[in-house]
Structures are given as C-alpha cells and as structure tokens.
C-alpha cells in the first residue's frame, strides 16, 4: 500500500471512530436522561480518546503539557492520598461519569486505585511556573467528586441535608521554591489550610472532601501517588462549556494566581 493510500485509510478510520463516538454520545445522553449509568460512558470516553478529542491523560500527557522537567516534578510530588473512614467516594474523571455510583469504592483500609465501577482514581493537574520572574513553581492537584456532604449525618439524609451539593472540587497545592524547599496547602471550606512543609500525604475528610497535609496514613484506605492517574487541565478542550454546581478549578482565581486565598 502506498503512502497516500495509507494516509487515506488513516483518515477513513478516524472518521469511522468519530461517527461511532457521536453514536455513543447520543447513547450517553439517553442514559443520563434516565438517571442510570453503564457501559456507554466508558465506551464513549475510549472512542473520544481514540480520535484525540479532549482526551489527554497519564505521564506522557504531562510531558506534552509541561515539558519533561516540569512533568517529572508533577509526578514526583503527586500526593499519596488517604481517605477518612466511612467515606465511599473516590475522585474520578468527570468526563467519564458524574454519578455517585461511578465514584464509590470499598472503604476497607487497603490500597485502592479505582472505584467499584472500574474508573481510575484521578487527579487533574495545573502548573504555574514563575521561575522566569524569580519565583517558584506551583503544582496544583484537583480532585472531582460527584457529590458532597458537610457532615457524617449528611450521608444519612442525602439530598435532603442542607449541606449537600452536587459536584465537588477539592485538592492540594504545592509551591516548589528555587532552593528546593516544598510547601503545601489543602483546600477546605471557603479557602485553604496554611502553607506548611510538604510531607507527601494528603488526607481527604469524609463527606466534605476538604483535606489536610499529613505525614502518612493511619488505618485509612489509600491511593499511592504512583497509582494516581494524572490529567493536565491545560491539555483539555471544552472546559468553558462544562457546567458544575460549584466553581471548577479553571474558573477560580487560584488557577491564574496560585497564591490566591480565594477558593
């Protein structure tokens, strides 16, 4: 087969995948309308990834987004995550599913890298490099959860509890200085914890998903940093068209100014 024929075949194959993606998009919409979730979302995501539409995740994506040096920092300092007991939700990729049943996983005190529905534990990354101006490199790790409760009792009453809201974005942010020191802070209600030395661990509180910078796990289930799926927000298209009940990372002041105190 000549080069032109191979090129034509590649175009035709991409077109076929795109058509299939559109078909499954319709299926995914129908599924969402019936408040159910199944194979449609995962298949659609896989097909969209196959044709390179709005899909770039993993360590290779970090290199494409940030270059090899910064990508190595993002992976090196990615957090080990510990989850407070009695909280089933895990952080997932909102493009695959935004329902609780997609996010829930075992609460056993063991390592976990995917939900019961098979979705990988995902952190969305954002980098602001201020070294050219004499500053630091800021690494942001954002976690998406389909729902949030502000207290344990909220999990009992569900949507009827005043503190409930759909969609939840929380995370941990690092400041890597030019001298090599690393400080970190975690998101909490209405703001952040104070900057403190990075200890390698991020504790997610049950229900609200607000976090703390900690030195290790103590009987909770955990996701090792090496098992986190890292997805750079800078490589994602269509973010402006996404709608959430709370403000997503890319619409926050801290996305532009990494030292902002606004949540």
C-alpha atoms as a PDB file:
ATOM      1  CA  UNK A   1       0.000   0.000   0.000  1.00  0.00           C
ATOM      2  CA  UNK A   2       1.409   3.410  -0.958  1.00  0.00           C
ATOM      3  CA  UNK A   3       1.844   6.322   1.405  1.00  0.00           C
ATOM      4  CA  UNK A   4      -1.203   8.152   0.026  1.00  0.00           C
ATOM      5  CA  UNK A   5      -3.351   5.042   0.424  1.00  0.00           C
ATOM      6  CA  UNK A   6      -2.181   4.565   3.999  1.00  0.00           C
ATOM      7  CA  UNK A   7      -2.953   8.201   4.733  1.00  0.00           C
ATOM      8  CA  UNK A   8      -6.407   7.854   3.232  1.00  0.00           C
ATOM      9  CA  UNK A   9      -7.047   4.726   5.285  1.00  0.00           C
ATOM     10  CA  UNK A  10      -5.987   6.562   8.442  1.00  0.00           C
ATOM     11  CA  UNK A  11      -8.384   9.419   7.703  1.00  0.00           C
ATOM     12  CA  UNK A  12     -11.217   6.976   6.986  1.00  0.00           C
ATOM     13  CA  UNK A  13     -10.513   5.071  10.214  1.00  0.00           C
ATOM     14  CA  UNK A  14     -10.530   8.284  12.238  1.00  0.00           C
ATOM     15  CA  UNK A  15     -13.782   9.313  10.590  1.00  0.00           C
ATOM     16  CA  UNK A  16     -15.332   5.958  11.458  1.00  0.00           C
ATOM     17  CA  UNK A  17     -14.254   6.282  15.082  1.00  0.00           C
ATOM     18  CA  UNK A  18     -15.672   9.787  15.206  1.00  0.00           C
ATOM     19  CA  UNK A  19     -19.029   8.575  13.879  1.00  0.00           C
ATOM     20  CA  UNK A  20     -19.076   5.834  16.498  1.00  0.00           C
ATOM     21  CA  UNK A  21     -18.216   8.395  19.159  1.00  0.00           C
ATOM     22  CA  UNK A  22     -21.184  10.524  18.099  1.00  0.00           C
ATOM     23  CA  UNK A  23     -23.446   7.492  18.228  1.00  0.00           C
ATOM     24  CA  UNK A  24     -22.330   6.680  21.737  1.00  0.00           C
ATOM     25  CA  UNK A  25     -22.646  10.329  22.699  1.00  0.00           C
ATOM     26  CA  UNK A  26     -26.333  10.020  21.886  1.00  0.00           C
ATOM     27  CA  UNK A  27     -26.476   6.835  23.892  1.00  0.00           C
ATOM     28  CA  UNK A  28     -24.700   8.513  26.795  1.00  0.00           C
ATOM     29  CA  UNK A  29     -27.202  11.376  26.700  1.00  0.00           C
ATOM     30  CA  UNK A  30     -30.096   8.938  26.753  1.00  0.00           C
ATOM     31  CA  UNK A  31     -28.544   7.119  29.695  1.00  0.00           C
ATOM     32  CA  UNK A  32     -28.064  10.371  31.578  1.00  0.00           C
ATOM     33  CA  UNK A  33     -31.686  11.318  30.951  1.00  0.00           C
ATOM     34  CA  UNK A  34     -32.835   8.141  32.651  1.00  0.00           C
ATOM     35  CA  UNK A  35     -30.511   8.751  35.643  1.00  0.00           C
ATOM     36  CA  UNK A  36     -28.674   5.484  35.015  1.00  0.00           C
ATOM     37  CA  UNK A  37     -25.065   4.715  34.201  1.00  0.00           C
ATOM     38  CA  UNK A  38     -23.463   1.823  32.418  1.00  0.00           C
ATOM     39  CA  UNK A  39     -21.079   0.883  29.655  1.00  0.00           C
ATOM     40  CA  UNK A  40     -21.995   3.855  27.475  1.00  0.00           C
ATOM     41  CA  UNK A  41     -19.908   6.440  29.317  1.00  0.00           C
ATOM     42  CA  UNK A  42     -16.720   4.374  29.350  1.00  0.00           C
ATOM     43  CA  UNK A  43     -17.052   3.342  25.705  1.00  0.00           C
ATOM     44  CA  UNK A  44     -17.704   6.921  24.652  1.00  0.00           C
ATOM     45  CA  UNK A  45     -14.654   8.124  26.561  1.00  0.00           C
ATOM     46  CA  UNK A  46     -12.475   5.446  24.969  1.00  0.00           C
ATOM     47  CA  UNK A  47     -13.671   6.310  21.463  1.00  0.00           C
ATOM     48  CA  UNK A  48     -13.191  10.028  22.002  1.00  0.00           C
ATOM     49  CA  UNK A  49      -9.668   9.308  23.241  1.00  0.00           C
ATOM     50  CA  UNK A  50      -9.006   7.173  20.149  1.00  0.00           C
ATOM     51  CA  UNK A  51      -9.556  10.124  17.832  1.00  0.00           C
ATOM     52  CA  UNK A  52      -7.719  12.574  20.085  1.00  0.00           C
ATOM     53  CA  UNK A  53     -10.687  14.723  21.070  1.00  0.00           C
ATOM     54  CA  UNK A  54     -10.479  16.387  24.517  1.00  0.00           C
ATOM     55  CA  UNK A  55      -8.568  13.458  25.961  1.00  0.00           C
ATOM     56  CA  UNK A  56      -5.003  13.525  27.253  1.00  0.00           C
ATOM     57  CA  UNK A  57      -4.040  11.776  30.464  1.00  0.00           C
ATOM     58  CA  UNK A  58      -1.133   9.917  32.051  1.00  0.00           C
ATOM     59  CA  UNK A  59       2.583  10.632  32.259  1.00  0.00           C
ATOM     60  CA  UNK A  60       3.010  11.122  28.503  1.00  0.00           C
ATOM     61  CA  UNK A  61       0.320  13.787  28.647  1.00  0.00           C
ATOM     62  CA  UNK A  62       2.226  15.551  31.421  1.00  0.00           C
ATOM     63  CA  UNK A  63       5.281  15.786  29.162  1.00  0.00           C
ATOM     64  CA  UNK A  64       3.187  17.145  26.299  1.00  0.00           C
ATOM     65  CA  UNK A  65       1.590  19.701  28.601  1.00  0.00           C
ATOM     66  CA  UNK A  66       4.599  20.858  30.608  1.00  0.00           C
ATOM     67  CA  UNK A  67       7.793  19.507  29.080  1.00  0.00           C
ATOM     68  CA  UNK A  68       9.961  16.793  30.605  1.00  0.00           C
ATOM     69  CA  UNK A  69      11.372  18.799  33.529  1.00  0.00           C
ATOM     70  CA  UNK A  70       8.072  20.090  34.917  1.00  0.00           C
ATOM     71  CA  UNK A  71       6.315  16.807  34.137  1.00  0.00           C
ATOM     72  CA  UNK A  72       8.847  14.996  36.327  1.00  0.00           C
ATOM     73  CA  UNK A  73       8.084  17.438  39.163  1.00  0.00           C
ATOM     74  CA  UNK A  74       4.335  16.886  38.788  1.00  0.00           C
ATOM     75  CA  UNK A  75       4.783  13.134  39.052  1.00  0.00           C
ATOM     76  CA  UNK A  76       7.488  13.294  41.736  1.00  0.00           C
ATOM     77  CA  UNK A  77       5.397  15.437  44.084  1.00  0.00           C
ATOM     78  CA  UNK A  78       1.991  13.898  43.323  1.00  0.00           C
ATOM     79  CA  UNK A  79       0.309  13.116  46.643  1.00  0.00           C
ATOM     80  CA  UNK A  80      -0.214   9.832  48.362  1.00  0.00           C
ATOM     81  CA  UNK A  81      -3.912  10.053  49.215  1.00  0.00           C
ATOM     82  CA  UNK A  82      -5.536   8.784  52.412  1.00  0.00           C
ATOM     83  CA  UNK A  83      -9.326   8.753  52.760  1.00  0.00           C
ATOM     84  CA  UNK A  84     -11.014   9.240  56.103  1.00  0.00           C
ATOM     85  CA  UNK A  85     -13.032   6.197  57.159  1.00  0.00           C
ATOM     86  CA  UNK A  86     -16.760   5.898  56.336  1.00  0.00           C
ATOM     87  CA  UNK A  87     -16.477   7.806  53.069  1.00  0.00           C
ATOM     88  CA  UNK A  88     -17.077   5.689  49.977  1.00  0.00           C
ATOM     89  CA  UNK A  89     -16.442   8.303  47.265  1.00  0.00           C
ATOM     90  CA  UNK A  90     -13.219   8.371  45.278  1.00  0.00           C
ATOM     91  CA  UNK A  91     -12.022  11.153  42.959  1.00  0.00           C
ATOM     92  CA  UNK A  92     -12.761  10.303  39.316  1.00  0.00           C
ATOM     93  CA  UNK A  93     -12.640  11.802  35.828  1.00  0.00           C
ATOM     94  CA  UNK A  94     -15.813  13.876  35.398  1.00  0.00           C
ATOM     95  CA  UNK A  95     -15.678  13.323  31.628  1.00  0.00           C
ATOM     96  CA  UNK A  96     -16.386   9.626  32.173  1.00  0.00           C
ATOM     97  CA  UNK A  97     -19.165   9.908  34.727  1.00  0.00           C
ATOM     98  CA  UNK A  98     -20.609  12.347  37.237  1.00  0.00           C
ATOM     99  CA  UNK A  99     -22.736   9.967  39.280  1.00  0.00           C
ATOM    100  CA  UNK A 100     -22.157   8.670  42.791  1.00  0.00           C
ATOM    101  CA  UNK A 101     -22.298   5.029  41.742  1.00  0.00           C
ATOM    102  CA  UNK A 102     -19.338   5.626  39.432  1.00  0.00           C
ATOM    103  CA  UNK A 103     -17.246   7.095  42.252  1.00  0.00           C
ATOM    104  CA  UNK A 104     -17.972   4.819  45.204  1.00  0.00           C
ATOM    105  CA  UNK A 105     -15.460   2.173  46.182  1.00  0.00           C
ATOM    106  CA  UNK A 106     -14.560  -0.119  49.037  1.00  0.00           C
ATOM    107  CA  UNK A 107     -13.982   1.571  52.389  1.00  0.00           C
ATOM    108  CA  UNK A 108     -11.622  -1.189  53.534  1.00  0.00           C
ATOM    109  CA  UNK A 109      -8.293   0.021  54.923  1.00  0.00           C
ATOM    110  CA  UNK A 110      -6.236  -1.035  51.917  1.00  0.00           C
ATOM    111  CA  UNK A 111      -4.739   0.394  48.740  1.00  0.00           C
ATOM    112  CA  UNK A 112      -7.287   1.346  46.095  1.00  0.00           C
ATOM    113  CA  UNK A 113      -6.721   2.760  42.611  1.00  0.00           C
ATOM    114  CA  UNK A 114     -10.187   2.532  41.068  1.00  0.00           C
ATOM    115  CA  UNK A 115     -13.833   2.737  42.012  1.00  0.00           C
ATOM    116  CA  UNK A 116     -16.173  -0.235  42.125  1.00  0.00           C
ATOM    117  CA  UNK A 117     -17.337   0.818  38.645  1.00  0.00           C
ATOM    118  CA  UNK A 118     -13.780   0.489  37.335  1.00  0.00           C
ATOM    119  CA  UNK A 119     -12.975   4.210  36.993  1.00  0.00           C
ATOM    120  CA  UNK A 120      -9.386   5.126  37.923  1.00  0.00           C
ATOM    121  CA  UNK A 121      -8.630   7.446  40.829  1.00  0.00           C
ATOM    122  CA  UNK A 122      -7.808  10.694  39.022  1.00  0.00           C
ATOM    123  CA  UNK A 123      -6.125  13.982  39.875  1.00  0.00           C
ATOM    124  CA  UNK A 124      -6.374  16.906  37.469  1.00  0.00           C
ATOM    125  CA  UNK A 125      -3.175  18.928  37.367  1.00  0.00           C
ATOM    126  CA  UNK A 126      -2.354  22.583  36.825  1.00  0.00           C
ATOM    127  CA  UNK A 127       1.127  24.179  36.777  1.00  0.00           C
ATOM    128  CA  UNK A 128       2.141  27.830  37.120  1.00  0.00           C
ATOM    129  CA  UNK A 129       5.884  28.389  36.616  1.00  0.00           C
ATOM    130  CA  UNK A 130       7.072  31.725  37.980  1.00  0.00           C
ATOM    131  CA  UNK A 131      10.780  30.930  37.907  1.00  0.00           C
ATOM    132  CA  UNK A 132      11.451  33.260  34.943  1.00  0.00           C
ATOM    133  CA  UNK A 133      10.361  36.120  37.218  1.00  0.00           C
ATOM    134  CA  UNK A 134      12.395  34.814  40.155  1.00  0.00           C
ATOM    135  CA  UNK A 135       9.507  32.948  41.752  1.00  0.00           C
ATOM    136  CA  UNK A 136       8.522  29.348  42.421  1.00  0.00           C
ATOM    137  CA  UNK A 137       6.827  26.532  40.539  1.00  0.00           C
ATOM    138  CA  UNK A 138       3.266  25.898  41.708  1.00  0.00           C
ATOM    139  CA  UNK A 139       1.746  22.444  41.288  1.00  0.00           C
ATOM    140  CA  UNK A 140      -1.994  22.001  41.726  1.00  0.00           C
ATOM    141  CA  UNK A 141      -3.737  18.627  42.081  1.00  0.00           C
ATOM    142  CA  UNK A 142      -7.519  18.855  41.788  1.00  0.00           C
ATOM    143  CA  UNK A 143      -9.948  16.046  42.677  1.00  0.00           C
ATOM    144  CA  UNK A 144     -13.528  15.771  41.420  1.00  0.00           C
ATOM    145  CA  UNK A 145     -16.324  14.056  43.377  1.00  0.00           C
ATOM    146  CA  UNK A 146     -19.931  13.739  42.152  1.00  0.00           C
ATOM    147  CA  UNK A 147     -21.435  14.790  45.497  1.00  0.00           C
ATOM    148  CA  UNK A 148     -20.506  16.455  48.790  1.00  0.00           C
ATOM    149  CA  UNK A 149     -21.884  16.265  52.317  1.00  0.00           C
ATOM    150  CA  UNK A 150     -20.654  18.569  55.053  1.00  0.00           C
ATOM    151  CA  UNK A 151     -21.076  16.102  57.908  1.00  0.00           C
ATOM    152  CA  UNK A 152     -21.454  12.389  58.563  1.00  0.00           C
ATOM    153  CA  UNK A 153     -25.168  12.801  59.217  1.00  0.00           C
ATOM    154  CA  UNK A 154     -25.464  14.255  55.725  1.00  0.00           C
ATOM    155  CA  UNK A 155     -24.734  10.839  54.244  1.00  0.00           C
ATOM    156  CA  UNK A 156     -27.814   9.519  56.042  1.00  0.00           C
ATOM    157  CA  UNK A 157     -30.209  12.195  54.816  1.00  0.00           C
ATOM    158  CA  UNK A 158     -28.663  12.576  51.358  1.00  0.00           C
ATOM    159  CA  UNK A 159     -30.121  15.283  49.121  1.00  0.00           C
ATOM    160  CA  UNK A 160     -32.397  16.479  51.932  1.00  0.00           C
ATOM    161  CA  UNK A 161     -29.424  17.514  54.070  1.00  0.00           C
ATOM    162  CA  UNK A 162     -28.789  21.313  53.897  1.00  0.00           C
ATOM    163  CA  UNK A 163     -25.050  20.831  53.412  1.00  0.00           C
ATOM    164  CA  UNK A 164     -25.469  18.617  50.339  1.00  0.00           C
ATOM    165  CA  UNK A 165     -24.476  19.750  46.878  1.00  0.00           C
ATOM    166  CA  UNK A 166     -23.783  18.006  43.604  1.00  0.00           C
ATOM    167  CA  UNK A 167     -20.245  18.243  42.220  1.00  0.00           C
ATOM    168  CA  UNK A 168     -17.261  18.862  44.447  1.00  0.00           C
ATOM    169  CA  UNK A 169     -13.758  20.076  43.625  1.00  0.00           C
ATOM    170  CA  UNK A 170     -11.061  19.806  46.291  1.00  0.00           C
ATOM    171  CA  UNK A 171      -7.316  19.356  46.209  1.00  0.00           C
ATOM    172  CA  UNK A 172      -3.806  20.021  47.361  1.00  0.00           C
ATOM    173  CA  UNK A 173      -1.394  22.643  46.037  1.00  0.00           C
ATOM    174  CA  UNK A 174       2.410  22.714  46.241  1.00  0.00           C
ATOM    175  CA  UNK A 175       4.932  25.538  45.998  1.00  0.00           C
ATOM    176  CA  UNK A 176       8.393  24.348  44.890  1.00  0.00           C
ATOM    177  CA  UNK A 177      10.902  27.118  45.557  1.00  0.00           C
ATOM    178  CA  UNK A 178      14.116  27.768  43.673  1.00  0.00           C
ATOM    179  CA  UNK A 179      16.157  26.480  46.632  1.00  0.00           C
ATOM    180  CA  UNK A 180      14.311  23.156  46.537  1.00  0.00           C
ATOM    181  CA  UNK A 181      12.052  23.587  49.575  1.00  0.00           C
ATOM    182  CA  UNK A 182       8.446  22.469  49.084  1.00  0.00           C
ATOM    183  CA  UNK A 183       5.413  23.890  50.876  1.00  0.00           C
ATOM    184  CA  UNK A 184       1.835  22.671  50.522  1.00  0.00           C
ATOM    185  CA  UNK A 185      -1.707  23.643  51.407  1.00  0.00           C
ATOM    186  CA  UNK A 186      -5.029  21.850  51.037  1.00  0.00           C
ATOM    187  CA  UNK A 187      -8.466  23.155  50.142  1.00  0.00           C
ATOM    188  CA  UNK A 188     -11.004  23.453  52.944  1.00  0.00           C
ATOM    189  CA  UNK A 189     -14.369  25.143  53.446  1.00  0.00           C
ATOM    190  CA  UNK A 190     -14.166  28.578  51.875  1.00  0.00           C
ATOM    191  CA  UNK A 191     -10.407  28.651  51.499  1.00  0.00           C
ATOM    192  CA  UNK A 192      -7.198  26.769  52.285  1.00  0.00           C
ATOM    193  CA  UNK A 193      -5.118  25.436  55.123  1.00  0.00           C
ATOM    194  CA  UNK A 194      -1.936  27.411  55.696  1.00  0.00           C
ATOM    195  CA  UNK A 195       1.239  26.712  53.718  1.00  0.00           C
ATOM    196  CA  UNK A 196       3.351  24.095  55.504  1.00  0.00           C
ATOM    197  CA  UNK A 197       6.220  21.731  54.650  1.00  0.00           C
ATOM    198  CA  UNK A 198       5.116  19.044  52.205  1.00  0.00           C
ATOM    199  CA  UNK A 199       5.056  15.628  53.847  1.00  0.00           C
ATOM    200  CA  UNK A 200       3.971  13.614  50.816  1.00  0.00           C
ATOM    201  CA  UNK A 201       0.474  12.775  52.048  1.00  0.00           C
ATOM    202  CA  UNK A 202      -2.948  14.342  51.536  1.00  0.00           C
ATOM    203  CA  UNK A 203      -5.852  13.329  53.808  1.00  0.00           C
ATOM    204  CA  UNK A 204      -9.389  13.568  52.379  1.00  0.00           C
ATOM    205  CA  UNK A 205     -12.064  14.100  55.015  1.00  0.00           C
ATOM    206  CA  UNK A 206     -15.215  12.029  54.722  1.00  0.00           C
ATOM    207  CA  UNK A 207     -18.265  13.627  53.170  1.00  0.00           C
ATOM    208  CA  UNK A 208     -16.981  17.154  52.564  1.00  0.00           C
ATOM    209  CA  UNK A 209     -13.693  16.033  50.897  1.00  0.00           C
ATOM    210  CA  UNK A 210     -11.880  19.003  52.414  1.00  0.00           C
ATOM    211  CA  UNK A 211      -8.287  17.999  53.050  1.00  0.00           C
ATOM    212  CA  UNK A 212      -5.206  18.232  55.202  1.00  0.00           C
ATOM    213  CA  UNK A 213      -1.486  17.875  54.571  1.00  0.00           C
ATOM    214  CA  UNK A 214      -0.360  14.942  56.741  1.00  0.00           C
ATOM    215  CA  UNK A 215       2.723  12.782  57.232  1.00  0.00           C
ATOM    216  CA  UNK A 216       1.116   9.420  56.479  1.00  0.00           C
ATOM    217  CA  UNK A 217      -1.909   7.159  56.717  1.00  0.00           C
ATOM    218  CA  UNK A 218      -3.202   5.716  59.968  1.00  0.00           C
ATOM    219  CA  UNK A 219      -5.567   2.890  59.143  1.00  0.00           C
ATOM    220  CA  UNK A 220      -7.385   4.533  56.230  1.00  0.00           C
ATOM    221  CA  UNK A 221      -7.663   3.233  52.698  1.00  0.00           C
ATOM    222  CA  UNK A 222      -5.085   4.877  50.459  1.00  0.00           C
ATOM    223  CA  UNK A 223      -4.160   5.579  46.853  1.00  0.00           C
ATOM    224  CA  UNK A 224      -0.359   5.619  46.390  1.00  0.00           C
ATOM    225  CA  UNK A 225       0.953   8.529  44.349  1.00  0.00           C
ATOM    226  CA  UNK A 226       2.276   6.084  41.767  1.00  0.00           C
ATOM    227  CA  UNK A 227      -1.271   4.818  41.145  1.00  0.00           C
ATOM    228  CA  UNK A 228      -2.869   8.216  40.582  1.00  0.00           C
ATOM    229  CA  UNK A 229      -3.996   8.918  37.037  1.00  0.00           C
ATOM    230  CA  UNK A 230      -2.758  12.454  36.365  1.00  0.00           C
ATOM    231  CA  UNK A 231      -4.613  14.544  33.796  1.00  0.00           C
ATOM    232  CA  UNK A 232      -3.354  18.043  32.896  1.00  0.00           C
ATOM    233  CA  UNK A 233      -6.154  20.575  32.698  1.00  0.00           C
ATOM    234  CA  UNK A 234      -4.077  22.608  30.260  1.00  0.00           C
ATOM    235  CA  UNK A 235      -4.484  19.837  27.661  1.00  0.00           C
ATOM    236  CA  UNK A 236      -8.257  19.631  27.955  1.00  0.00           C
ATOM    237  CA  UNK A 237     -10.579  21.285  25.479  1.00  0.00           C
ATOM    238  CA  UNK A 238     -14.135  22.439  26.032  1.00  0.00           C
ATOM    239  CA  UNK A 239     -13.709  23.400  29.676  1.00  0.00           C
ATOM    240  CA  UNK A 240     -15.652  26.633  29.280  1.00  0.00           C
ATOM    241  CA  UNK A 241     -18.694  24.635  28.245  1.00  0.00           C
ATOM    242  CA  UNK A 242     -18.671  22.422  31.351  1.00  0.00           C
ATOM    243  CA  UNK A 243     -21.298  23.228  33.984  1.00  0.00           C
ATOM    244  CA  UNK A 244     -20.957  22.353  37.672  1.00  0.00           C
ATOM    245  CA  UNK A 245     -22.941  23.253  40.751  1.00  0.00           C
ATOM    246  CA  UNK A 246     -19.785  24.732  42.278  1.00  0.00           C
ATOM    247  CA  UNK A 247     -16.954  26.652  40.642  1.00  0.00           C
ATOM    248  CA  UNK A 248     -14.476  24.357  38.833  1.00  0.00           C
ATOM    249  CA  UNK A 249     -10.703  24.916  39.148  1.00  0.00           C
ATOM    250  CA  UNK A 250     -10.220  26.712  35.825  1.00  0.00           C
ATOM    251  CA  UNK A 251     -12.770  29.375  36.824  1.00  0.00           C
ATOM    252  CA  UNK A 252     -11.140  30.046  40.205  1.00  0.00           C
ATOM    253  CA  UNK A 253      -8.777  32.939  40.879  1.00  0.00           C
ATOM    254  CA  UNK A 254      -6.153  30.467  42.116  1.00  0.00           C
ATOM    255  CA  UNK A 255      -5.929  28.937  38.646  1.00  0.00           C
ATOM    256  CA  UNK A 256      -4.364  32.182  37.455  1.00  0.00           C
ATOM    257  CA  UNK A 257      -2.801  33.337  40.724  1.00  0.00           C
ATOM    258  CA  UNK A 258      -1.513  30.279  42.635  1.00  0.00           C
ATOM    259  CA  UNK A 259      -1.139  32.262  45.861  1.00  0.00           C
ATOM    260  CA  UNK A 260      -4.729  33.481  45.849  1.00  0.00           C
ATOM    261  CA  UNK A 261      -6.624  32.817  49.076  1.00  0.00           C
ATOM    262  CA  UNK A 262      -9.980  32.583  47.331  1.00  0.00           C
ATOM    263  CA  UNK A 263     -11.498  29.142  46.970  1.00  0.00           C
END
